[in-house]
Amino acid sequence: MAEERIYNSTVLPSRNGAVQVITPEKYQPQRVINEGSQGIVIEAWDQINARRLAIKKLKDVFAAQGGVKQCYREFVLGAAVQHDN
């Protein structure tokens, strides 16, 4: 039987008013870190691994040519970075 996924829906204040963030249940969104043309970055708490992390919510990544490649590169580089912040 397939595992049922449960999600949280959280509204966070942002520069442009408020943003709705939908995350898997294990992540608790805390605050908006930054907003830009590609999307929004939020700080969240990973309840399973007891650590802070950043989640990037992208706007329409398929709208611009090369957008998918750029996102892939960011994911690969981001996964390789280990730091205290």
Protein backbone atom coordinates (compact mmCIF):
# COMPACT_ATOMS: atom_id res chain seq x y z
CA MET A 1 0.00 0.00 0.00
CA ALA A 2 1.29 3.48 -0.83
CA GLU A 3 2.40 5.76 1.99
CA GLU A 4 -0.04 8.59 2.68
CA ARG A 5 1.59 12.01 2.60
CA ILE A 6 0.38 14.71 4.96
CA TYR A 7 1.08 18.39 4.37
CA ASN A 8 0.99 21.61 6.38
CA SER A 9 -0.39 24.84 4.97
CA THR A 10 1.15 27.90 6.63
CA VAL A 11 0.71 31.61 5.88
CA LEU A 12 3.84 33.69 6.55
CA PRO A 13 4.23 37.48 6.42
CA SER A 14 6.39 38.70 3.53
CA ARG A 15 7.44 41.95 1.90
CA ASN A 16 4.50 41.70 -0.46
CA GLY A 17 1.90 40.93 2.20
CA ALA A 18 1.63 37.22 2.95
CA VAL A 19 2.59 33.98 1.26
CA GLN A 20 1.04 30.54 1.63
CA VAL A 21 3.59 27.76 2.03
CA ILE A 22 2.65 24.09 1.69
CA THR A 23 5.24 21.68 3.08
CA PRO A 24 5.40 18.04 4.12
CA GLU A 25 4.24 17.61 7.71
CA LYS A 26 7.74 17.08 9.10
CA TYR A 27 8.74 20.67 8.20
CA GLN A 28 7.46 23.64 10.23
CA PRO A 29 7.85 26.89 8.25
CA GLN A 30 9.22 29.66 10.51
CA ARG A 31 9.79 32.82 8.45
CA VAL A 32 10.48 34.24 5.00
CA ILE A 33 14.24 34.64 4.47
CA ASN A 34 14.12 36.33 1.08
CA GLU A 35 11.98 36.88 -2.01
CA GLY A 36 13.09 37.38 -5.58
CA SER A 37 12.20 36.93 -9.22
CA GLN A 38 12.67 33.13 -9.06
CA GLY A 39 10.60 32.58 -5.94
CA ILE A 40 10.77 32.72 -2.17
CA VAL A 41 13.11 31.18 0.41
CA ILE A 42 11.76 30.26 3.83
CA GLU A 43 13.37 29.02 7.02
CA ALA A 44 11.81 25.84 8.36
CA TRP A 45 12.36 23.42 11.21
CA ASP A 46 12.84 19.72 10.37
CA GLN A 47 11.06 17.94 13.23
CA ILE A 48 12.49 14.52 12.36
CA ASN A 49 16.17 15.51 12.14
CA ALA A 50 15.93 18.41 14.66
CA ARG A 51 17.59 21.02 12.46
CA ARG A 52 16.91 24.30 10.68
CA LEU A 53 16.85 24.33 6.91
CA ALA A 54 15.94 26.54 3.99
CA ILE A 55 13.18 25.71 1.52
CA LYS A 56 13.03 27.46 -1.84
CA LYS A 57 9.54 27.75 -3.32
CA LEU A 58 10.01 28.40 -7.03
CA LYS A 59 7.73 30.31 -9.34
CA ASP A 60 7.02 28.76 -12.74
CA VAL A 61 10.42 27.15 -13.36
CA PHE A 62 9.37 25.93 -16.82
CA ALA A 63 8.43 29.41 -18.09
CA ALA A 64 11.97 30.47 -19.02
CA GLN A 65 14.34 28.49 -21.19
CA GLY A 66 17.16 27.15 -19.04
CA GLY A 67 15.13 27.42 -15.86
CA VAL A 68 15.12 23.69 -15.21
CA LYS A 69 18.90 23.43 -15.70
CA GLN A 70 19.51 26.33 -13.34
CA CYS A 71 17.29 24.78 -10.66
CA TYR A 72 19.04 21.43 -11.02
CA ARG A 73 22.44 23.08 -10.57
CA GLU A 74 21.21 24.91 -7.46
CA PHE A 75 19.87 21.67 -5.97
CA VAL A 76 23.14 19.82 -6.59
CA LEU A 77 25.26 22.63 -5.16
CA GLY A 78 22.93 23.22 -2.23
CA ALA A 79 22.98 19.54 -1.28
CA ALA A 80 26.80 19.59 -1.24
CA VAL A 81 27.05 22.58 1.13
CA GLN A 82 27.37 21.84 4.84
CA HIS A 83 27.42 24.86 7.16
CA ASP A 84 26.10 26.01 10.53
CA ASN A 85 23.77 28.68 9.10
